[in-house]
Protein backbone atom coordinates (compact mmCIF):
# COMPACT_ATOMS: atom_id res chain seq x y z
CA MET A 1 115.83 116.78 131.93
CA SER A 2 113.96 116.13 135.17
CA GLU A 3 113.40 112.61 136.51
CA LEU A 4 109.73 112.90 135.70
CA GLN A 5 110.54 113.85 132.14
CA GLN A 6 113.00 110.97 131.86
CA ALA A 7 110.42 108.57 133.20
CA GLU A 8 107.89 109.78 130.71
CA MET A 9 110.30 109.46 127.77
CA ALA A 10 111.20 105.94 128.86
CA LYS A 11 107.43 105.06 128.69
CA LEU A 12 107.09 106.68 125.28
CA HIS A 13 110.22 105.04 123.82
CA SER A 14 108.52 101.83 122.66
CA HIS A 15 105.61 103.80 121.22
CA ILE A 16 107.92 106.10 119.27
CA THR A 17 109.84 103.09 117.99
CA GLN A 18 106.69 101.41 116.84
CA ASP A 19 105.46 104.59 115.08
CA VAL A 20 108.77 104.95 113.22
CA HIS A 21 108.68 101.33 112.08
CA LYS A 22 105.15 101.83 110.85
CA LEU A 23 106.21 105.04 108.98
CA VAL A 24 109.09 103.29 107.27
CA ASP A 25 106.87 100.34 106.34
CA LYS A 26 104.24 102.73 104.93
CA TYR A 27 106.73 104.42 102.59
CA LEU A 28 108.36 101.13 101.73
CA ARG A 29 104.99 99.82 100.52
CA ILE A 30 104.52 102.92 98.40
CA ILE A 31 107.94 102.62 96.80
CA GLU A 32 107.39 98.91 96.11
CA TRP A 33 104.04 99.67 94.48
CA GLU A 34 105.65 102.25 92.23
CA VAL A 35 108.89 100.30 91.54
CA PRO A 36 108.16 96.59 91.97
CA GLU A 37 111.77 95.52 91.52
CA THR A 38 112.88 97.73 94.48
CA ASP A 39 115.73 96.45 96.69
CA GLU A 40 113.97 96.48 100.14
CA SER A 41 117.08 97.08 102.13
CA ALA A 42 118.28 99.95 99.93
CA ALA A 43 114.71 101.44 99.95
CA ARG A 44 114.63 101.31 103.83
CA GLU A 45 118.00 103.11 103.93
CA MET A 46 116.74 105.83 101.57
CA ILE A 47 113.56 106.32 103.62
CA LEU A 48 115.48 106.40 106.87
CA GLN A 49 117.82 109.02 105.35
CA GLN A 50 114.92 111.25 104.40
CA ILE A 51 113.44 110.85 107.95
CA LYS A 52 116.80 111.93 109.41
CA ILE A 53 116.94 114.97 107.08
CA THR A 54 113.44 115.95 108.13
CA LEU A 55 114.23 115.52 111.85
CA GLU A 56 117.21 117.80 111.53
CA THR A 57 114.87 120.64 110.43
CA LEU A 58 112.51 120.28 113.40
């Protein structure tokens, strides 16, 4: 990766992190609406696992 690409990725890092947090929160809200007694920590882990599986296919 070139220095220019590395610099651009460094700029994007915080944006990507924020977007992933928003995505997890979005799906956590959906799960909590459907299953009110959801364990938030366990639900986050399940959501993150699904995101990881999806990323592996890209």
